[in-house]
């Protein structure tokens, strides 16, 4: 069973109070993909790979979250090249670290990790927001 099955994207816009299972992250994900790789699922830059430029550390974090949830699902480094699995990892991270579905927090933390610096992520945040408009 995939994470997308567990966390389906809703068709309409969602309020911040809605659970991740009902929140529509598609515009944020699409904008991140454009900023990170211009949509290239084979993109590689340093340790980051795939359309969403996922690092090995993020894959490890996803697997730790899954382990804590007693799930048998695990991601591999190769999964970063799968657009569907990259989106699943994004949704998993949001469900764990961003329970309020705060779009700004999602964007900044994708760039700077869960303990991001607002100042250090300002440029990235602006780029993603421009792609969402």
Protein backbone atom coordinates (compact mmCIF):
# COMPACT_ATOMS: atom_id res chain seq x y z
CA UNK A 1 0.00 0.00 0.00
CA UNK A 2 1.45 3.35 -0.93
CA UNK A 3 1.49 6.51 1.13
CA UNK A 4 -0.65 8.17 -1.55
CA UNK A 5 -3.33 5.62 -0.75
CA UNK A 6 -3.04 6.52 2.92
CA UNK A 7 -2.86 10.28 2.23
CA UNK A 8 -5.00 10.99 -0.85
CA UNK A 9 -4.97 14.44 -2.35
CA UNK A 10 -8.32 16.17 -2.29
CA UNK A 11 -9.75 17.83 -5.34
CA UNK A 12 -10.45 21.21 -3.74
CA UNK A 13 -8.56 23.77 -1.74
CA UNK A 14 -8.19 22.89 1.92
CA UNK A 15 -8.19 24.79 5.17
CA UNK A 16 -5.18 24.68 7.46
CA UNK A 17 -7.17 22.72 10.03
CA UNK A 18 -7.79 19.81 7.68
CA UNK A 19 -5.72 16.67 8.09
CA UNK A 20 -2.99 15.85 5.58
CA UNK A 21 -5.29 13.13 4.26
CA UNK A 22 -7.69 15.83 3.05
CA UNK A 23 -5.26 18.59 2.17
CA UNK A 24 -4.46 19.24 -1.49
CA UNK A 25 -0.68 19.62 -1.73
CA UNK A 26 -0.62 19.35 -5.54
CA UNK A 27 0.06 23.05 -6.27
CA UNK A 28 2.91 23.13 -3.73
CA UNK A 29 4.40 19.87 -5.02
CA UNK A 30 4.16 21.01 -8.65
CA UNK A 31 5.87 24.33 -7.83
CA UNK A 32 8.64 22.59 -5.87
CA UNK A 33 9.24 20.24 -8.79
CA UNK A 34 9.58 23.19 -11.17
CA UNK A 35 12.00 25.01 -8.86
CA UNK A 36 14.05 21.93 -8.02
CA UNK A 37 14.41 20.25 -11.41
CA UNK A 38 12.16 21.91 -14.00
CA UNK A 39 10.26 18.62 -13.90
CA UNK A 40 13.18 16.33 -14.72
CA UNK A 41 12.75 13.07 -12.75
CA UNK A 42 16.34 12.06 -13.63
CA UNK A 43 17.93 15.29 -12.30
CA UNK A 44 20.95 14.94 -10.01
CA UNK A 45 22.75 17.70 -8.12
CA UNK A 46 25.27 16.62 -5.52
CA UNK A 47 23.50 14.21 -3.14
CA UNK A 48 20.05 15.36 -4.29
CA UNK A 49 18.20 13.41 -6.94
CA UNK A 50 14.92 13.21 -8.81
CA UNK A 51 12.28 15.76 -9.71
CA UNK A 52 12.01 16.93 -6.10
CA UNK A 53 15.77 16.74 -5.43
CA UNK A 54 15.52 14.36 -2.48
CA UNK A 55 18.59 13.73 -0.35
CA UNK A 56 19.67 10.44 1.22
CA UNK A 57 18.98 12.01 4.64
CA UNK A 58 15.34 12.61 3.70
CA UNK A 59 14.96 9.01 2.51
CA UNK A 60 16.38 7.83 5.84
CA UNK A 61 14.01 10.15 7.74
CA UNK A 62 11.03 8.80 5.79
CA UNK A 63 12.05 5.25 6.67
CA UNK A 64 12.38 6.17 10.35
CA UNK A 65 8.89 7.70 10.31
CA UNK A 66 7.52 4.57 8.64
CA UNK A 67 9.29 2.36 11.17
CA UNK A 68 7.79 4.40 14.02
CA UNK A 69 4.36 3.89 12.47
CA UNK A 70 5.00 0.14 12.29
CA UNK A 71 4.75 0.20 8.49
CA UNK A 72 6.65 -2.36 6.46
CA UNK A 73 7.06 0.09 3.58
CA UNK A 74 10.60 1.43 3.09
CA UNK A 75 12.08 3.78 0.49
CA UNK A 76 15.36 3.33 -1.34
CA UNK A 77 17.68 5.90 -2.85
CA UNK A 78 16.48 4.74 -6.27
CA UNK A 79 12.92 5.75 -5.31
CA UNK A 80 13.99 9.40 -5.57
CA UNK A 81 13.83 8.99 -9.37
CA UNK A 82 10.15 7.95 -9.21
CA UNK A 83 7.87 10.97 -9.29
CA UNK A 84 5.10 9.05 -7.52
CA UNK A 85 7.39 7.87 -4.72
CA UNK A 86 8.94 11.33 -4.39
CA UNK A 87 5.46 12.77 -3.88
CA UNK A 88 4.73 10.05 -1.32
CA UNK A 89 7.86 11.03 0.60
CA UNK A 90 6.81 14.69 0.55
CA UNK A 91 3.37 13.76 1.90
CA UNK A 92 4.89 11.55 4.58
CA UNK A 93 7.21 14.34 5.75
CA UNK A 94 4.31 16.80 5.84
CA UNK A 95 2.10 14.39 7.79
CA UNK A 96 4.86 14.04 10.40
CA UNK A 97 6.32 17.54 10.71
CA UNK A 98 3.52 19.78 9.42
CA UNK A 99 0.27 18.57 10.96
CA UNK A 100 -1.32 22.02 10.47
CA UNK A 101 -0.72 21.87 6.69
CA UNK A 102 1.04 25.23 6.71
CA UNK A 103 2.10 25.87 3.10
CA UNK A 104 4.92 28.24 4.07
CA UNK A 105 6.29 25.72 6.57
CA UNK A 106 6.08 22.97 3.94
CA UNK A 107 8.07 24.98 1.40
CA UNK A 108 10.69 26.26 3.82
CA UNK A 109 11.19 22.87 5.48
CA UNK A 110 11.55 21.14 2.10
CA UNK A 111 14.53 23.43 1.50
CA UNK A 112 15.95 23.78 5.01
CA UNK A 113 14.74 20.75 6.94
CA UNK A 114 12.36 20.65 9.90
CA UNK A 115 14.45 23.18 11.85
CA UNK A 116 14.82 25.58 8.90
CA UNK A 117 15.93 29.18 9.19
CA UNK A 118 13.44 31.68 7.76
CA UNK A 119 16.26 33.91 6.60
CA UNK A 120 18.14 31.06 4.90
CA UNK A 121 15.02 29.83 3.09
CA UNK A 122 13.64 33.20 1.92
CA UNK A 123 14.96 32.92 -1.64
CA UNK A 124 13.67 29.39 -2.06
CA UNK A 125 10.30 30.30 -0.57
CA UNK A 126 9.91 33.22 -3.00
CA UNK A 127 10.85 31.04 -6.00
CA UNK A 128 8.30 28.36 -5.10
CA UNK A 129 5.57 30.92 -4.43
CA UNK A 130 6.22 32.54 -7.84
CA UNK A 131 5.79 29.15 -9.51
CA UNK A 132 2.49 28.64 -7.68
CA UNK A 133 0.95 31.85 -9.06
